[in-house]
Amino acid sequence: MTSVQDSAFEGRAWDGWTVPEIVDVQGVPTAFRRGGRGETLVYLHGGGGTRAWTPLHAKLAEHFDVIAPEHPGYGDTPRGSDQDSWADYVLHYDALFRTLGLVDFHLVGTSLGSWLAANLAVYYPDRFKSLALVTPIGVLAESDEFVDLFRLTAEEEADRMFNGRAERYADDFEQEGPLADAVHQYQENSTSALLMWNPRYERKFDTRLARVKIPTLVVAAEDDRLAGNGQGQRYVELLPHARLVTVRGPGGEASGHGLPMEQPADLVAEIVKHVARRGE
C-alpha cells in the first residue's frame, strides 16, 4: 500500500476533498478513502461523485468502518488498458478485497455502483454479509421510459438527477473549475460508456440474480427521472431475499436519482436498519 503525500494533490481544496490512500491492485493504483468504526462496509460510487469524502460517507462512518474505493477510470484511479467490461471490474474488486484482507462485509452500491455490486454478489454470493442497491440500474424494466444518458447535456443530466433542483447543489459539484471539471466528467463518462453503452442492462440478471441469497435492500426514489421507476421493483422481483424501500424527498418534493446527495441521513438510516435486520 502506498501512502500519498498532500503535495501529490497540490491545489485540491474543494468541499469534501481528502487525500486518498492508494493500493496497487494487479498494477492498477487504486484510490480509496476509509473512515469510521464498526463492521466493515464497502461503498461503490455511481458514475460520478468521486474525489471527495461526502456527507453520505461521513454519515455511514458514524455506524460502520467505511471503505470507499474509486473504480478504474473514475476519480484518481486510472483504468487499465484491458479493463473494459463488467467482468474486468469484478475481477479488479476481487483482487482489491483480497489485497485489503476484506472478508464477510457489507456491500452498498449506488446507481452504476449498484450494477457493479449486483455483479459482485452474483459471482461471489458467499462473500458479503448484506447487500444494498441504491437507485439501482442494470436490469430491464420494460415499463420505464428509455433515457439515453449519453445524449444528455450535463445540465439535462443534473436536471433529471435532482428533479429540477440541480441549482441547489451546483457548488457541491464544483471542484477544479468549469473546464477541468468538464474534462474530468468526460473521462468518467467515457468509462461508463465502455461498461454500459451496449447493452444498457445485464441480460443475464434475469437468471443470475437468483444466486444472491444474502439479505438485500433496494432503495428507490419517488420519481427517478434518470434511471426510471421500475428498476428497483424489478431487482426485488429477481433477488430472492430483497425488500424495497422508498426514501422521500426534501420538503415534500419527490425524491430523485440524486437522493444519496439530497437525503444522506435518511438513506443511511435505512441501511442501518437493514444491517440490524440481518440476524432476524
C-alpha atoms as a PDB file:
ATOM      1  CA  MET A   1       0.000   0.000   0.000  1.00  0.00           C
ATOM      2  CA  THR A   2       1.278   3.426  -0.902  1.00  0.00           C
ATOM      3  CA  SER A   3       0.951   6.474   1.290  1.00  0.00           C
ATOM      4  CA  VAL A   4       0.228   9.538  -0.829  1.00  0.00           C
ATOM      5  CA  GLN A   5       1.511  12.888   0.361  1.00  0.00           C
ATOM      6  CA  ASP A   6      -0.622  16.013   0.195  1.00  0.00           C
ATOM      7  CA  SER A   7       1.912  17.512  -2.244  1.00  0.00           C
ATOM      8  CA  ALA A   8       0.839  14.962  -4.864  1.00  0.00           C
ATOM      9  CA  PHE A   9      -2.556  16.665  -4.958  1.00  0.00           C
ATOM     10  CA  GLU A  10      -1.437  20.262  -4.592  1.00  0.00           C
ATOM     11  CA  GLY A  11      -4.213  22.797  -5.097  1.00  0.00           C
ATOM     12  CA  ARG A  12      -7.098  20.495  -4.271  1.00  0.00           C
ATOM     13  CA  ALA A  13      -9.239  22.198  -1.656  1.00  0.00           C
ATOM     14  CA  TRP A  14     -12.837  21.654  -2.690  1.00  0.00           C
ATOM     15  CA  ASP A  15     -15.555  20.666  -0.231  1.00  0.00           C
ATOM     16  CA  GLY A  16     -15.127  17.076   0.885  1.00  0.00           C
ATOM     17  CA  TRP A  17     -11.626  16.692  -0.521  1.00  0.00           C
ATOM     18  CA  THR A  18      -9.388  14.361   1.459  1.00  0.00           C
ATOM     19  CA  VAL A  19      -6.165  12.727   0.327  1.00  0.00           C
ATOM     20  CA  PRO A  20      -6.930   9.123  -0.668  1.00  0.00           C
ATOM     21  CA  GLU A  21      -4.924   6.057   0.164  1.00  0.00           C
ATOM     22  CA  ILE A  22      -3.521   4.248  -2.863  1.00  0.00           C
ATOM     23  CA  VAL A  23      -3.099   0.493  -3.113  1.00  0.00           C
ATOM     24  CA  ASP A  24      -1.627  -1.431  -6.023  1.00  0.00           C
ATOM     25  CA  VAL A  25      -4.188  -3.868  -7.403  1.00  0.00           C
ATOM     26  CA  GLN A  26      -2.528  -6.011 -10.042  1.00  0.00           C
ATOM     27  CA  GLY A  27      -0.755  -2.988 -11.481  1.00  0.00           C
ATOM     28  CA  VAL A  28      -3.649  -0.532 -11.105  1.00  0.00           C
ATOM     29  CA  PRO A  29      -3.021   2.118  -8.401  1.00  0.00           C
ATOM     30  CA  THR A  30      -6.456   2.179  -6.787  1.00  0.00           C
ATOM     31  CA  ALA A  31      -7.582   5.167  -4.738  1.00  0.00           C
ATOM     32  CA  PHE A  32      -9.832   4.720  -1.733  1.00  0.00           C
ATOM     33  CA  ARG A  33     -10.886   6.536   1.410  1.00  0.00           C
ATOM     34  CA  ARG A  34     -11.594   4.916   4.747  1.00  0.00           C
ATOM     35  CA  GLY A  35     -13.184   6.146   7.949  1.00  0.00           C
ATOM     36  CA  GLY A  36     -15.353   5.175  10.894  1.00  0.00           C
ATOM     37  CA  ARG A  37     -15.533   2.157  13.159  1.00  0.00           C
ATOM     38  CA  GLY A  38     -17.687  -0.927  13.394  1.00  0.00           C
ATOM     39  CA  GLU A  39     -18.489  -3.630  10.886  1.00  0.00           C
ATOM     40  CA  THR A  40     -16.834  -3.063   7.518  1.00  0.00           C
ATOM     41  CA  LEU A  41     -18.960  -1.607   4.736  1.00  0.00           C
ATOM     42  CA  VAL A  42     -17.691  -1.063   1.202  1.00  0.00           C
ATOM     43  CA  TYR A  43     -19.438   1.721  -0.696  1.00  0.00           C
ATOM     44  CA  LEU A  44     -19.336   1.667  -4.510  1.00  0.00           C
ATOM     45  CA  HIS A  45     -19.983   5.052  -6.097  1.00  0.00           C
ATOM     46  CA  GLY A  46     -22.074   5.736  -9.169  1.00  0.00           C
ATOM     47  CA  GLY A  47     -20.971   7.346 -12.402  1.00  0.00           C
ATOM     48  CA  GLY A  48     -19.695  10.420 -10.559  1.00  0.00           C
ATOM     49  CA  GLY A  49     -19.358  11.713  -7.025  1.00  0.00           C
ATOM     50  CA  THR A  50     -15.652  10.936  -6.826  1.00  0.00           C
ATOM     51  CA  ARG A  51     -12.605  12.677  -5.312  1.00  0.00           C
ATOM     52  CA  ALA A  52     -14.369  13.524  -2.056  1.00  0.00           C
ATOM     53  CA  TRP A  53     -15.470  12.166   1.312  1.00  0.00           C
ATOM     54  CA  THR A  54     -19.103  13.183   1.030  1.00  0.00           C
ATOM     55  CA  PRO A  55     -21.775  13.757   3.689  1.00  0.00           C
ATOM     56  CA  LEU A  56     -23.090  10.283   2.837  1.00  0.00           C
ATOM     57  CA  HIS A  57     -19.697   8.725   3.577  1.00  0.00           C
ATOM     58  CA  ALA A  58     -19.497  10.666   6.829  1.00  0.00           C
ATOM     59  CA  LYS A  59     -22.980   9.547   7.897  1.00  0.00           C
ATOM     60  CA  LEU A  60     -22.178   5.924   7.098  1.00  0.00           C
ATOM     61  CA  ALA A  61     -18.932   6.229   9.077  1.00  0.00           C
ATOM     62  CA  GLU A  62     -20.950   7.043  12.208  1.00  0.00           C
ATOM     63  CA  HIS A  63     -22.056   3.392  12.130  1.00  0.00           C
ATOM     64  CA  PHE A  64     -19.516   1.432  10.064  1.00  0.00           C
ATOM     65  CA  ASP A  65     -15.883   1.097   9.070  1.00  0.00           C
ATOM     66  CA  VAL A  66     -16.448   2.581   5.611  1.00  0.00           C
ATOM     67  CA  ILE A  67     -14.186   1.880   2.646  1.00  0.00           C
ATOM     68  CA  ALA A  68     -14.978   3.979  -0.431  1.00  0.00           C
ATOM     69  CA  PRO A  69     -12.830   2.960  -3.426  1.00  0.00           C
ATOM     70  CA  GLU A  70     -12.795   4.699  -6.783  1.00  0.00           C
ATOM     71  CA  HIS A  71     -13.401   2.386  -9.729  1.00  0.00           C
ATOM     72  CA  PRO A  72     -10.809   2.161 -12.505  1.00  0.00           C
ATOM     73  CA  GLY A  73     -11.385   5.121 -14.793  1.00  0.00           C
ATOM     74  CA  TYR A  74     -13.021   7.224 -12.085  1.00  0.00           C
ATOM     75  CA  GLY A  75     -11.660   9.713  -9.589  1.00  0.00           C
ATOM     76  CA  ASP A  76      -7.933   9.164  -9.078  1.00  0.00           C
ATOM     77  CA  THR A  77      -7.884   5.504 -10.149  1.00  0.00           C
ATOM     78  CA  PRO A  78      -6.614   5.043 -13.702  1.00  0.00           C
ATOM     79  CA  ARG A  79      -8.214   2.417 -15.906  1.00  0.00           C
ATOM     80  CA  GLY A  80      -6.008  -0.436 -17.018  1.00  0.00           C
ATOM     81  CA  SER A  81      -5.756  -0.923 -20.766  1.00  0.00           C
ATOM     82  CA  ASP A  82      -7.591  -4.255 -20.530  1.00  0.00           C
ATOM     83  CA  GLN A  83     -10.358  -3.078 -18.184  1.00  0.00           C
ATOM     84  CA  ASP A  84     -13.372  -2.522 -20.392  1.00  0.00           C
ATOM     85  CA  SER A  85     -16.123  -4.851 -19.144  1.00  0.00           C
ATOM     86  CA  TRP A  86     -18.065  -5.674 -16.000  1.00  0.00           C
ATOM     87  CA  ALA A  87     -16.142  -8.939 -15.713  1.00  0.00           C
ATOM     88  CA  ASP A  88     -12.884  -6.969 -15.594  1.00  0.00           C
ATOM     89  CA  TYR A  89     -14.261  -4.777 -12.828  1.00  0.00           C
ATOM     90  CA  VAL A  90     -15.496  -7.774 -10.844  1.00  0.00           C
ATOM     91  CA  LEU A  91     -12.009  -9.272 -11.037  1.00  0.00           C
ATOM     92  CA  HIS A  92     -10.453  -5.946 -10.061  1.00  0.00           C
ATOM     93  CA  TYR A  93     -12.614  -5.736  -6.955  1.00  0.00           C
ATOM     94  CA  ASP A  94     -11.975  -9.344  -6.054  1.00  0.00           C
ATOM     95  CA  ALA A  95      -8.258  -8.510  -6.104  1.00  0.00           C
ATOM     96  CA  LEU A  96      -8.809  -5.289  -4.128  1.00  0.00           C
ATOM     97  CA  PHE A  97     -10.753  -7.093  -1.404  1.00  0.00           C
ATOM     98  CA  ARG A  98      -8.046  -9.732  -1.160  1.00  0.00           C
ATOM     99  CA  THR A  99      -5.318  -7.082  -1.030  1.00  0.00           C
ATOM    100  CA  LEU A 100      -7.099  -5.260   1.807  1.00  0.00           C
ATOM    101  CA  GLY A 101      -7.883  -8.529   3.592  1.00  0.00           C
ATOM    102  CA  LEU A 102     -11.641  -7.965   3.485  1.00  0.00           C
ATOM    103  CA  VAL A 103     -13.926 -10.903   4.252  1.00  0.00           C
ATOM    104  CA  ASP A 104     -17.570 -11.104   5.285  1.00  0.00           C
ATOM    105  CA  PHE A 105     -18.519  -7.438   4.975  1.00  0.00           C
ATOM    106  CA  HIS A 106     -21.456  -5.281   3.886  1.00  0.00           C
ATOM    107  CA  LEU A 107     -21.676  -4.025   0.294  1.00  0.00           C
ATOM    108  CA  VAL A 108     -23.538  -0.906  -0.844  1.00  0.00           C
ATOM    109  CA  GLY A 109     -23.707   0.400  -4.390  1.00  0.00           C
ATOM    110  CA  THR A 110     -25.339   3.498  -5.855  1.00  0.00           C
ATOM    111  CA  SER A 111     -26.573   3.802  -9.454  1.00  0.00           C
ATOM    112  CA  LEU A 112     -23.753   2.434 -11.652  1.00  0.00           C
ATOM    113  CA  GLY A 113     -22.147   1.179  -8.447  1.00  0.00           C
ATOM    114  CA  SER A 114     -25.283  -0.873  -7.752  1.00  0.00           C
ATOM    115  CA  TRP A 115     -24.887  -2.641 -11.093  1.00  0.00           C
ATOM    116  CA  LEU A 116     -21.313  -3.454 -10.103  1.00  0.00           C
ATOM    117  CA  ALA A 117     -22.381  -4.531  -6.599  1.00  0.00           C
ATOM    118  CA  ALA A 118     -25.032  -6.845  -8.038  1.00  0.00           C
ATOM    119  CA  ASN A 119     -22.429  -8.424 -10.309  1.00  0.00           C
ATOM    120  CA  LEU A 120     -20.073  -8.930  -7.385  1.00  0.00           C
ATOM    121  CA  ALA A 121     -22.833 -10.604  -5.376  1.00  0.00           C
ATOM    122  CA  VAL A 122     -23.664 -12.875  -8.319  1.00  0.00           C
ATOM    123  CA  TYR A 123     -20.067 -14.036  -8.747  1.00  0.00           C
ATOM    124  CA  TYR A 124     -19.210 -14.164  -5.020  1.00  0.00           C
ATOM    125  CA  PRO A 125     -22.533 -14.901  -3.293  1.00  0.00           C
ATOM    126  CA  ASP A 126     -20.902 -16.027  -0.024  1.00  0.00           C
ATOM    127  CA  ARG A 127     -18.505 -13.123   0.454  1.00  0.00           C
ATOM    128  CA  PHE A 128     -20.884 -10.442   1.752  1.00  0.00           C
ATOM    129  CA  LYS A 129     -22.946 -10.058   4.913  1.00  0.00           C
ATOM    130  CA  SER A 130     -25.578  -7.922   3.234  1.00  0.00           C
ATOM    131  CA  LEU A 131     -26.214  -6.025   0.031  1.00  0.00           C
ATOM    132  CA  ALA A 132     -27.850  -2.643  -0.575  1.00  0.00           C
ATOM    133  CA  LEU A 133     -28.627  -1.248  -4.017  1.00  0.00           C
ATOM    134  CA  VAL A 134     -29.463   2.467  -4.054  1.00  0.00           C
ATOM    135  CA  THR A 135     -31.332   3.989  -7.027  1.00  0.00           C
ATOM    136  CA  PRO A 136     -30.098   0.979  -8.984  1.00  0.00           C
ATOM    137  CA  ILE A 137     -29.635   0.485 -12.696  1.00  0.00           C
ATOM    138  CA  GLY A 138     -28.718  -2.614 -14.672  1.00  0.00           C
ATOM    139  CA  VAL A 139     -31.948  -4.560 -15.170  1.00  0.00           C
ATOM    140  CA  LEU A 140     -34.555  -4.288 -17.897  1.00  0.00           C
ATOM    141  CA  ALA A 141     -37.727  -2.643 -16.633  1.00  0.00           C
ATOM    142  CA  GLU A 142     -39.953  -2.638 -19.698  1.00  0.00           C
ATOM    143  CA  SER A 143     -42.401  -0.099 -18.275  1.00  0.00           C
ATOM    144  CA  ASP A 144     -39.723   2.587 -17.971  1.00  0.00           C
ATOM    145  CA  GLU A 145     -39.168   5.345 -20.476  1.00  0.00           C
ATOM    146  CA  PHE A 146     -35.761   4.922 -22.073  1.00  0.00           C
ATOM    147  CA  VAL A 147     -33.477   7.818 -21.185  1.00  0.00           C
ATOM    148  CA  ASP A 148     -30.246   7.856 -23.175  1.00  0.00           C
ATOM    149  CA  LEU A 149     -27.770   9.049 -20.568  1.00  0.00           C
ATOM    150  CA  PHE A 150     -25.062   9.550 -23.172  1.00  0.00           C
ATOM    151  CA  ARG A 151     -27.123  12.017 -25.200  1.00  0.00           C
ATOM    152  CA  LEU A 152     -27.909  14.298 -22.275  1.00  0.00           C
ATOM    153  CA  THR A 153     -26.022  17.510 -21.733  1.00  0.00           C
ATOM    154  CA  ALA A 154     -24.508  17.988 -18.280  1.00  0.00           C
ATOM    155  CA  GLU A 155     -27.340  20.393 -17.481  1.00  0.00           C
ATOM    156  CA  GLU A 156     -30.023  17.952 -18.643  1.00  0.00           C
ATOM    157  CA  GLU A 157     -28.486  15.113 -16.641  1.00  0.00           C
ATOM    158  CA  ALA A 158     -28.349  17.229 -13.480  1.00  0.00           C
ATOM    159  CA  ASP A 159     -31.940  18.358 -14.005  1.00  0.00           C
ATOM    160  CA  ARG A 160     -33.126  14.756 -14.250  1.00  0.00           C
ATOM    161  CA  MET A 161     -30.981  13.627 -11.334  1.00  0.00           C
ATOM    162  CA  PHE A 162     -32.412  16.203  -8.938  1.00  0.00           C
ATOM    163  CA  ASN A 163     -35.882  16.605 -10.457  1.00  0.00           C
ATOM    164  CA  GLY A 164     -35.336  20.232 -11.338  1.00  0.00           C
ATOM    165  CA  ARG A 165     -33.459  21.113  -8.142  1.00  0.00           C
ATOM    166  CA  ALA A 166     -29.907  20.913  -9.532  1.00  0.00           C
ATOM    167  CA  GLU A 167     -29.139  24.580  -8.883  1.00  0.00           C
ATOM    168  CA  ARG A 168     -29.254  23.871  -5.147  1.00  0.00           C
ATOM    169  CA  TYR A 169     -26.237  21.581  -5.493  1.00  0.00           C
ATOM    170  CA  ALA A 170     -24.184  23.409  -8.116  1.00  0.00           C
ATOM    171  CA  ASP A 171     -21.495  24.379  -5.603  1.00  0.00           C
ATOM    172  CA  ASP A 172     -21.190  20.771  -4.395  1.00  0.00           C
ATOM    173  CA  PHE A 173     -20.217  19.626  -7.889  1.00  0.00           C
ATOM    174  CA  GLU A 174     -17.535  22.255  -8.465  1.00  0.00           C
ATOM    175  CA  GLN A 175     -14.000  21.020  -7.855  1.00  0.00           C
ATOM    176  CA  GLU A 176     -11.175  22.243 -10.095  1.00  0.00           C
ATOM    177  CA  GLY A 177     -13.210  24.744 -12.107  1.00  0.00           C
ATOM    178  CA  PRO A 178     -15.641  24.533 -15.037  1.00  0.00           C
ATOM    179  CA  LEU A 179     -13.190  23.471 -17.756  1.00  0.00           C
ATOM    180  CA  ALA A 180     -11.167  20.976 -15.711  1.00  0.00           C
ATOM    181  CA  ASP A 181     -14.336  19.534 -14.181  1.00  0.00           C
ATOM    182  CA  ALA A 182     -15.862  19.088 -17.642  1.00  0.00           C
ATOM    183  CA  VAL A 183     -12.752  17.235 -18.830  1.00  0.00           C
ATOM    184  CA  HIS A 184     -12.797  15.002 -15.764  1.00  0.00           C
ATOM    185  CA  GLN A 185     -16.508  14.257 -16.218  1.00  0.00           C
ATOM    186  CA  TYR A 186     -15.889  13.387 -19.866  1.00  0.00           C
ATOM    187  CA  GLN A 187     -13.199  10.911 -18.814  1.00  0.00           C
ATOM    188  CA  GLU A 188     -15.513   9.255 -16.288  1.00  0.00           C
ATOM    189  CA  ASN A 189     -18.412   9.199 -18.758  1.00  0.00           C
ATOM    190  CA  SER A 190     -16.134   7.510 -21.285  1.00  0.00           C
ATOM    191  CA  THR A 191     -15.524   4.722 -18.782  1.00  0.00           C
ATOM    192  CA  SER A 192     -19.261   4.450 -18.123  1.00  0.00           C
ATOM    193  CA  ALA A 193     -19.810   4.076 -21.870  1.00  0.00           C
ATOM    194  CA  LEU A 194     -17.353   1.180 -22.015  1.00  0.00           C
ATOM    195  CA  LEU A 195     -19.332  -0.601 -19.319  1.00  0.00           C
ATOM    196  CA  MET A 196     -22.920   0.124 -20.325  1.00  0.00           C
ATOM    197  CA  TRP A 197     -23.163   1.504 -23.843  1.00  0.00           C
ATOM    198  CA  ASN A 198     -24.448  -1.755 -25.284  1.00  0.00           C
ATOM    199  CA  PRO A 199     -26.398  -3.302 -23.806  1.00  0.00           C
ATOM    200  CA  ARG A 200     -27.819  -0.794 -21.353  1.00  0.00           C
ATOM    201  CA  TYR A 201     -28.743  -3.582 -18.928  1.00  0.00           C
ATOM    202  CA  GLU A 202     -27.448  -7.007 -17.947  1.00  0.00           C
ATOM    203  CA  ARG A 203     -29.448  -9.538 -19.956  1.00  0.00           C
ATOM    204  CA  LYS A 204     -28.411 -12.439 -17.731  1.00  0.00           C
ATOM    205  CA  PHE A 205     -29.505 -10.833 -14.451  1.00  0.00           C
ATOM    206  CA  ASP A 206     -32.947 -12.374 -15.042  1.00  0.00           C
ATOM    207  CA  THR A 207     -31.454 -15.754 -14.148  1.00  0.00           C
ATOM    208  CA  ARG A 208     -28.206 -14.932 -12.369  1.00  0.00           C
ATOM    209  CA  LEU A 209     -29.615 -12.779  -9.558  1.00  0.00           C
ATOM    210  CA  ALA A 210     -31.237 -15.912  -8.119  1.00  0.00           C
ATOM    211  CA  ARG A 211     -27.736 -16.852  -6.897  1.00  0.00           C
ATOM    212  CA  VAL A 212     -27.769 -13.950  -4.420  1.00  0.00           C
ATOM    213  CA  LYS A 213     -29.157 -15.377  -1.165  1.00  0.00           C
ATOM    214  CA  ILE A 214     -27.991 -12.655   1.233  1.00  0.00           C
ATOM    215  CA  PRO A 215     -30.426 -10.058   2.613  1.00  0.00           C
ATOM    216  CA  THR A 216     -30.721  -7.254   0.075  1.00  0.00           C
ATOM    217  CA  LEU A 217     -32.099  -3.757   0.474  1.00  0.00           C
ATOM    218  CA  VAL A 218     -33.223  -1.924  -2.654  1.00  0.00           C
ATOM    219  CA  VAL A 219     -33.660   1.813  -2.170  1.00  0.00           C
ATOM    220  CA  ALA A 220     -35.740   3.660  -4.727  1.00  0.00           C
ATOM    221  CA  ALA A 221     -36.656   7.271  -5.321  1.00  0.00           C
ATOM    222  CA  GLU A 222     -40.208   8.509  -5.518  1.00  0.00           C
ATOM    223  CA  ASP A 223     -39.665   9.829  -9.050  1.00  0.00           C
ATOM    224  CA  ASP A 224     -36.433   8.686 -10.675  1.00  0.00           C
ATOM    225  CA  ARG A 225     -36.293  10.685 -13.884  1.00  0.00           C
ATOM    226  CA  LEU A 226     -32.828   9.417 -14.790  1.00  0.00           C
ATOM    227  CA  ALA A 227     -32.981   5.631 -14.293  1.00  0.00           C
ATOM    228  CA  GLY A 228     -36.752   5.161 -14.297  1.00  0.00           C
ATOM    229  CA  ASN A 229     -39.077   3.975 -11.555  1.00  0.00           C
ATOM    230  CA  GLY A 230     -39.181   0.303 -12.497  1.00  0.00           C
ATOM    231  CA  GLN A 231     -35.573  -0.626 -11.761  1.00  0.00           C
ATOM    232  CA  GLY A 232     -35.991  -1.065  -8.016  1.00  0.00           C
ATOM    233  CA  GLN A 233     -39.097  -3.201  -8.283  1.00  0.00           C
ATOM    234  CA  ARG A 234     -37.520  -5.391 -10.943  1.00  0.00           C
ATOM    235  CA  TYR A 235     -34.481  -6.046  -8.760  1.00  0.00           C
ATOM    236  CA  VAL A 236     -36.775  -7.059  -5.903  1.00  0.00           C
ATOM    237  CA  GLU A 237     -38.590  -9.478  -8.193  1.00  0.00           C
ATOM    238  CA  LEU A 238     -35.311 -11.121  -9.233  1.00  0.00           C
ATOM    239  CA  LEU A 239     -33.444 -11.209  -5.912  1.00  0.00           C
ATOM    240  CA  PRO A 240     -34.615 -13.991  -3.557  1.00  0.00           C
ATOM    241  CA  HIS A 241     -34.281 -12.063  -0.282  1.00  0.00           C
ATOM    242  CA  ALA A 242     -34.800  -8.441  -1.247  1.00  0.00           C
ATOM    243  CA  ARG A 243     -37.109  -5.750   0.022  1.00  0.00           C
ATOM    244  CA  LEU A 244     -37.870  -2.356  -1.462  1.00  0.00           C
ATOM    245  CA  VAL A 245     -37.973   0.926   0.438  1.00  0.00           C
ATOM    246  CA  THR A 246     -38.554   4.396  -0.925  1.00  0.00           C
ATOM    247  CA  VAL A 247     -36.779   7.406   0.534  1.00  0.00           C
ATOM    248  CA  ARG A 248     -38.917  10.514   0.462  1.00  0.00           C
ATOM    249  CA  GLY A 249     -37.748  13.788  -0.999  1.00  0.00           C
ATOM    250  CA  PRO A 250     -36.875  17.096   0.654  1.00  0.00           C
ATOM    251  CA  GLY A 251     -39.639  19.342   1.902  1.00  0.00           C
ATOM    252  CA  GLY A 252     -42.456  17.300   0.428  1.00  0.00           C
ATOM    253  CA  GLU A 253     -40.907  17.245  -3.058  1.00  0.00           C
ATOM    254  CA  ALA A 254     -40.482  13.897  -4.785  1.00  0.00           C
ATOM    255  CA  SER A 255     -37.047  12.341  -4.311  1.00  0.00           C
ATOM    256  CA  GLY A 256     -34.986  11.650  -7.409  1.00  0.00           C
ATOM    257  CA  HIS A 257     -31.959   9.708  -8.572  1.00  0.00           C
ATOM    258  CA  GLY A 258     -29.716  12.039  -6.601  1.00  0.00           C
ATOM    259  CA  LEU A 259     -31.194  11.068  -3.233  1.00  0.00           C
ATOM    260  CA  PRO A 260     -27.787   9.953  -1.844  1.00  0.00           C
ATOM    261  CA  MET A 261     -26.775  13.601  -2.031  1.00  0.00           C
ATOM    262  CA  GLU A 262     -30.138  15.101  -1.102  1.00  0.00           C
ATOM    263  CA  GLN A 263     -31.123  12.774   1.755  1.00  0.00           C
ATOM    264  CA  PRO A 264     -27.944  11.144   3.091  1.00  0.00           C
ATOM    265  CA  ALA A 265     -29.233  10.870   6.672  1.00  0.00           C
ATOM    266  CA  ASP A 266     -32.481   9.178   5.626  1.00  0.00           C
ATOM    267  CA  LEU A 267     -30.620   6.818   3.306  1.00  0.00           C
ATOM    268  CA  VAL A 268     -28.111   5.844   5.987  1.00  0.00           C
ATOM    269  CA  ALA A 269     -30.949   5.232   8.449  1.00  0.00           C
ATOM    270  CA  GLU A 270     -32.423   2.678   6.034  1.00  0.00           C
ATOM    271  CA  ILE A 271     -29.050   0.972   5.574  1.00  0.00           C
ATOM    272  CA  VAL A 272     -28.508   0.805   9.338  1.00  0.00           C
ATOM    273  CA  LYS A 273     -31.947  -0.767   9.799  1.00  0.00           C
ATOM    274  CA  HIS A 274     -31.233  -3.228   7.010  1.00  0.00           C
ATOM    275  CA  VAL A 275     -27.983  -4.375   8.629  1.00  0.00           C
ATOM    276  CA  ALA A 276     -29.711  -4.672  12.011  1.00  0.00           C
ATOM    277  CA  ARG A 277     -32.426  -6.877  10.474  1.00  0.00           C
ATOM    278  CA  ARG A 278     -29.860  -9.265   9.031  1.00  0.00           C
ATOM    279  CA  GLY A 279     -29.938 -11.562  12.054  1.00  0.00           C
ATOM    280  CA  GLU A 280     -33.713 -11.607  12.427  1.00  0.00           C
END
